[in-house]
Amino acid sequence: MPIADAQVHAWSNGVSTGHHRRTPITGDVLKAEMKQAGVDRALLVPPLWDPDGNAYALSLAEAEPQRFAVMGLLDSRLDNPDRLLRMWREQPNMRGIRFLFNTKERLQPLVDGELDGLWPIAEETGLVVALLVPNALHVVDGIARRHPQLRIIVDHLGVPRGASGPSAFDHLPALLALAEHPNVHVKAAGVGDYALDPYPFRSLETTLRRVFDAFGAERIVWASELSRLHHPYRQCVTHFSETLSWLSATDRELIMGGNLCRLLEWG
């Protein structure tokens, strides 16, 4: 079964922040870790701490487009972000775009509607948009409702930064409500880190089953968020590919890479 990781930060410059590993995950480091974990492809999501993150990720994808693709970052506070968005897919191997709204300061322009002009452009150009919006999933509901052709991925299952244990999913009703929108997908990234129990993280099974029942296998993408994992990369893979007994072989193929490659048109 081909496995494609939907979120890995790769960087060569800058010092990582928060709960991410301090040693850079360069292309060579990443390829070695992917080989050990049994991962065939990785979607590179540049980290905020690397000012040249988009360029570095694109250089890796240019060298190995079958192994790497890029979901780049666009600073919505720049002048004319709409112009940049229209040209986004013109960058070779740039397959999508990610917006971070995980702090009050980053979230406020979204809540105030200052970014409303971006979503019609992304919808029109067929751009896949990943949104990190913990504590504000109602905003995603509004965007998805107004732009039914816009393909949206909700990052980290909507879990707030640093949350773990049962309270990590206090927002679950709001997340499950988004399943009514066929254009909304969810990214299950480094899910084991939300558990207080060790691998295979049995405490998460009921929650993950509810997500599966709501969205179906066709709208879930697996990811590692490798730079912040507190357990081995291989365990992050097998958590979904082997231990969730209620997933069929077809479900696993979709979640572990099929859905991502289809969404991004990554043949």
Protein backbone atom coordinates (compact mmCIF):
# COMPACT_ATOMS: atom_id res chain seq x y z
CA MET A 1 0.00 0.00 0.00
CA PRO A 2 1.58 3.32 -1.05
CA ILE A 3 1.73 5.71 1.91
CA ALA A 4 1.71 9.49 1.51
CA ASP A 5 2.23 11.70 4.55
CA ALA A 6 -0.01 14.78 4.33
CA GLN A 7 2.11 17.05 6.56
CA VAL A 8 5.82 17.24 7.19
CA HIS A 9 7.81 20.36 8.01
CA ALA A 10 11.18 20.34 6.26
CA TRP A 11 13.64 23.17 6.80
CA SER A 12 17.31 24.06 6.61
CA ASN A 13 17.28 27.57 8.12
CA GLY A 14 15.85 29.11 11.25
CA VAL A 15 15.30 27.80 14.74
CA SER A 16 12.12 25.84 15.34
CA THR A 17 9.64 27.01 17.91
CA GLY A 18 7.22 25.54 20.41
CA HIS A 19 6.94 21.78 20.62
CA HIS A 20 8.83 20.97 17.40
CA ARG A 21 12.21 19.31 17.27
CA ARG A 22 15.16 21.67 17.21
CA THR A 23 17.36 19.82 14.72
CA PRO A 24 16.37 20.74 11.14
CA ILE A 25 14.58 18.12 9.06
CA THR A 26 16.47 18.57 5.83
CA GLY A 27 15.68 16.66 2.68
CA ASP A 28 18.29 14.01 3.45
CA VAL A 29 17.10 13.59 7.02
CA LEU A 30 13.51 13.30 5.86
CA LYS A 31 14.23 10.71 3.19
CA ALA A 32 16.07 8.55 5.71
CA GLU A 33 13.23 8.75 8.22
CA MET A 34 10.61 8.06 5.53
CA LYS A 35 12.50 4.95 4.44
CA GLN A 36 12.67 3.65 8.00
CA ALA A 37 8.96 4.34 8.61
CA GLY A 38 7.79 2.93 5.28
CA VAL A 39 6.49 6.23 3.87
CA ASP A 40 6.64 6.70 0.09
CA ARG A 41 5.61 10.33 -0.36
CA ALA A 42 5.42 13.47 1.77
CA LEU A 43 3.56 16.71 1.37
CA LEU A 44 5.95 19.43 2.54
CA VAL A 45 4.33 22.16 4.60
CA PRO A 46 6.88 24.94 5.24
CA PRO A 47 7.19 26.02 8.88
CA LEU A 48 6.77 29.61 9.97
CA TRP A 49 10.22 29.75 11.52
CA ASP A 50 12.01 29.30 8.17
CA PRO A 51 11.76 32.53 6.16
CA ASP A 52 12.76 30.59 3.04
CA GLY A 53 10.46 27.67 3.78
CA ASN A 54 8.44 27.76 0.56
CA ALA A 55 11.56 27.99 -1.59
CA TYR A 56 13.31 25.16 0.24
CA ALA A 57 10.31 22.85 0.02
CA LEU A 58 9.89 23.62 -3.68
CA SER A 59 13.55 22.82 -4.31
CA LEU A 60 13.10 19.38 -2.75
CA ALA A 61 9.96 18.77 -4.81
CA GLU A 62 11.67 19.91 -8.00
CA ALA A 63 14.43 17.36 -7.45
CA GLU A 64 11.99 14.52 -6.64
CA PRO A 65 8.43 15.37 -7.70
CA GLN A 66 7.18 11.84 -7.21
CA ARG A 67 8.41 11.83 -3.62
CA PHE A 68 7.63 15.40 -2.56
CA ALA A 69 4.97 18.02 -3.24
CA VAL A 70 4.35 21.34 -1.47
CA MET A 71 1.47 22.97 0.36
CA GLY A 72 2.92 26.42 0.82
CA LEU A 73 2.23 29.27 3.20
CA LEU A 74 0.87 32.65 2.15
CA ASP A 75 1.00 35.51 4.62
CA SER A 76 -2.51 36.93 4.38
CA ARG A 77 -1.24 40.23 5.80
CA LEU A 78 0.82 40.96 2.69
CA ASP A 79 -0.28 43.54 0.16
CA ASN A 80 -2.32 42.02 -2.66
CA PRO A 81 -2.54 38.44 -1.34
CA ASP A 82 -5.31 37.87 -3.87
CA ARG A 83 -2.89 38.45 -6.74
CA LEU A 84 -0.42 35.97 -5.26
CA LEU A 85 -3.19 33.44 -4.74
CA ARG A 86 -4.23 33.60 -8.40
CA MET A 87 -0.70 32.66 -9.43
CA TRP A 88 -0.18 30.06 -6.70
CA ARG A 89 -0.58 26.94 -8.84
CA GLU A 90 1.79 28.37 -11.47
CA GLN A 91 4.66 27.40 -9.20
CA PRO A 92 5.76 23.88 -10.23
CA ASN A 93 4.94 21.27 -7.57
CA MET A 94 2.95 23.76 -5.48
CA ARG A 95 -0.19 21.68 -4.90
CA GLY A 96 -2.06 23.60 -2.23
CA ILE A 97 -1.98 26.37 0.34
CA ARG A 98 -2.15 26.50 4.12
CA PHE A 99 -3.34 29.28 6.39
CA LEU A 100 -2.56 29.39 10.11
CA PHE A 101 -5.19 30.82 12.44
CA ASN A 102 -3.99 29.21 15.65
CA THR A 103 -3.47 32.39 17.68
CA LYS A 104 -5.85 35.20 18.55
CA GLU A 105 -3.87 37.65 16.43
CA ARG A 106 -3.88 35.40 13.36
CA LEU A 107 -7.51 34.44 13.80
CA GLN A 108 -9.03 37.91 14.14
CA PRO A 109 -8.75 38.95 10.46
CA LEU A 110 -10.48 35.70 9.50
CA VAL A 111 -13.30 36.24 11.98
CA ASP A 112 -13.67 39.88 10.87
CA GLY A 113 -14.09 38.81 7.26
CA GLU A 114 -10.94 40.54 6.06
CA LEU A 115 -9.94 37.43 4.09
CA ASP A 116 -13.31 36.80 2.47
CA GLY A 117 -11.93 37.83 -0.91
CA LEU A 118 -9.46 34.94 -0.95
CA TRP A 119 -11.90 32.05 -0.85
CA PRO A 120 -13.64 32.75 -4.20
CA ILE A 121 -10.21 32.88 -5.87
CA ALA A 122 -9.16 29.57 -4.35
CA GLU A 123 -12.51 28.09 -5.35
CA GLU A 124 -12.23 29.39 -8.91
CA THR A 125 -8.66 28.19 -9.39
CA GLY A 126 -9.28 24.76 -7.88
CA LEU A 127 -6.80 25.30 -5.07
CA VAL A 128 -6.87 22.97 -2.08
CA VAL A 129 -6.85 25.02 1.15
CA ALA A 130 -5.73 23.69 4.53
CA LEU A 131 -6.90 25.67 7.55
CA LEU A 132 -5.47 25.47 11.05
CA VAL A 133 -8.37 26.93 13.01
CA PRO A 134 -8.62 25.47 16.51
CA ASN A 135 -11.40 27.03 18.57
CA ALA A 136 -13.05 28.60 15.51
CA LEU A 137 -14.50 25.76 13.45
CA HIS A 138 -17.71 27.74 13.02
CA VAL A 139 -15.77 29.99 10.64
CA VAL A 140 -14.95 26.97 8.47
CA ASP A 141 -18.65 26.15 8.41
CA GLY A 142 -19.41 29.56 6.96
CA ILE A 143 -16.66 29.37 4.34
CA ALA A 144 -17.66 25.88 3.24
CA ARG A 145 -21.31 26.90 3.01
CA ARG A 146 -20.61 29.99 0.89
CA HIS A 147 -18.07 28.23 -1.35
CA PRO A 148 -19.26 24.68 -1.95
CA GLN A 149 -16.64 23.99 -4.64
CA LEU A 150 -13.74 25.07 -2.43
CA ARG A 151 -11.82 22.02 -1.26
CA ILE A 152 -10.96 22.50 2.42
CA ILE A 153 -8.81 20.44 4.78
CA VAL A 154 -9.23 21.05 8.52
CA ASP A 155 -5.82 20.53 10.09
CA HIS A 156 -5.13 18.43 13.19
CA LEU A 157 -8.79 17.41 13.52
CA GLY A 158 -9.30 20.90 14.95
CA VAL A 159 -7.36 20.07 18.14
CA PRO A 160 -5.84 23.12 19.91
CA ARG A 161 -2.07 23.34 20.17
CA GLY A 162 -0.61 21.29 23.01
CA ALA A 163 -3.91 19.68 23.98
CA SER A 164 -3.95 16.05 25.10
CA GLY A 165 -6.23 13.66 26.91
CA PRO A 166 -10.04 13.72 26.77
CA SER A 167 -10.22 17.52 26.75
CA ALA A 168 -8.30 17.63 23.45
CA PHE A 169 -11.56 16.75 21.73
CA ASP A 170 -13.98 19.00 23.59
CA HIS A 171 -14.64 20.56 20.19
CA LEU A 172 -15.64 17.24 18.59
CA PRO A 173 -19.33 18.14 18.04
CA ALA A 174 -18.26 21.21 16.05
CA LEU A 175 -15.84 19.15 13.99
CA LEU A 176 -18.39 16.45 13.23
CA ALA A 177 -20.92 19.10 12.20
CA LEU A 178 -18.60 20.09 9.34
CA ALA A 179 -19.16 16.67 7.78
CA GLU A 180 -22.41 17.96 6.29
CA HIS A 181 -20.28 19.87 3.77
CA PRO A 182 -19.00 17.47 1.06
CA ASN A 183 -16.10 19.83 0.32
CA VAL A 184 -14.63 19.60 3.86
CA HIS A 185 -11.92 17.03 4.62
CA VAL A 186 -10.06 16.46 7.89
CA LYS A 187 -6.38 15.87 8.46
CA ALA A 188 -5.51 13.35 11.18
CA ALA A 189 -1.98 14.53 11.93
CA GLY A 190 0.16 12.99 14.66
CA VAL A 191 -3.00 11.86 16.41
CA GLY A 192 -1.17 9.65 18.89
CA ASP A 193 0.27 12.75 20.55
CA TYR A 194 -3.21 13.62 21.81
CA ALA A 195 -3.39 10.40 23.82
CA LEU A 196 -2.21 9.94 27.40
CA ASP A 197 -1.81 6.19 26.94
CA PRO A 198 1.00 4.59 24.90
CA TYR A 199 0.83 3.10 21.42
CA PRO A 200 -1.54 1.92 20.02
CA PHE A 201 -3.45 4.75 21.74
CA ARG A 202 -6.64 2.81 22.49
CA SER A 203 -8.12 5.82 24.30
CA LEU A 204 -8.57 7.52 20.92
CA GLU A 205 -10.49 4.75 19.18
CA THR A 206 -13.99 5.95 20.02
CA THR A 207 -13.20 9.50 18.90
CA LEU A 208 -11.54 8.34 15.67
CA ARG A 209 -14.46 6.06 14.92
CA ARG A 210 -16.87 8.96 15.31
CA VAL A 211 -14.78 11.03 12.89
CA PHE A 212 -14.73 8.11 10.46
CA ASP A 213 -18.47 7.56 10.71
CA ALA A 214 -19.15 11.26 10.06
CA PHE A 215 -16.72 11.98 7.23
CA GLY A 216 -16.21 8.52 5.75
CA ALA A 217 -12.90 7.14 4.54
CA GLU A 218 -12.99 9.38 1.45
CA ARG A 219 -12.58 12.61 3.41
CA ILE A 220 -9.86 11.75 5.92
CA VAL A 221 -6.15 12.22 5.22
CA TRP A 222 -3.45 10.83 7.46
CA ALA A 223 -0.37 12.85 8.38
CA SER A 224 2.50 12.57 10.82
CA GLU A 225 3.47 16.16 11.68
CA LEU A 226 6.87 14.51 12.05
CA SER A 227 8.69 17.40 13.68
CA ARG A 228 6.55 17.26 16.82
CA LEU A 229 5.99 13.52 17.20
CA HIS A 230 6.59 12.13 20.67
CA HIS A 231 6.51 8.54 19.44
CA PRO A 232 8.34 6.79 16.57
CA TYR A 233 7.41 7.72 13.00
CA ARG A 234 6.74 4.07 12.21
CA GLN A 235 4.19 3.86 15.05
CA CYS A 236 2.44 6.93 13.67
CA VAL A 237 2.09 5.05 10.37
CA THR A 238 0.94 1.73 11.78
CA HIS A 239 -1.52 3.36 14.18
CA PHE A 240 -3.78 3.92 11.18
CA SER A 241 -2.46 1.34 8.72
CA GLU A 242 -2.61 -1.63 11.11
CA THR A 243 -4.17 -1.11 14.55
CA LEU A 244 -7.58 0.39 13.72
CA SER A 245 -9.34 -2.89 13.07
CA TRP A 246 -12.57 -1.32 11.82
CA LEU A 247 -10.79 0.16 8.78
CA SER A 248 -11.03 -2.01 5.68
CA ALA A 249 -8.12 -2.45 3.29
CA THR A 250 -9.78 0.02 0.93
CA ASP A 251 -10.30 2.52 3.76
CA ARG A 252 -6.63 2.34 4.66
CA GLU A 253 -5.52 2.91 1.08
CA LEU A 254 -7.65 6.03 0.88
CA ILE A 255 -6.71 7.48 4.27
CA MET A 256 -3.00 6.65 4.04
CA GLY A 257 -2.45 8.43 0.75
CA GLY A 258 -5.14 7.86 -1.84
CA ASN A 259 -7.28 10.79 -0.76
CA LEU A 260 -4.32 13.17 -0.56
CA CYS A 261 -3.03 12.31 -4.03
CA ARG A 262 -6.52 12.65 -5.51
CA LEU A 263 -7.16 16.01 -3.86
CA LEU A 264 -3.83 17.43 -4.96
CA GLU A 265 -3.92 15.80 -8.40
CA TRP A 266 -0.56 14.32 -7.51
CA GLY A 267 -0.24 11.44 -9.95
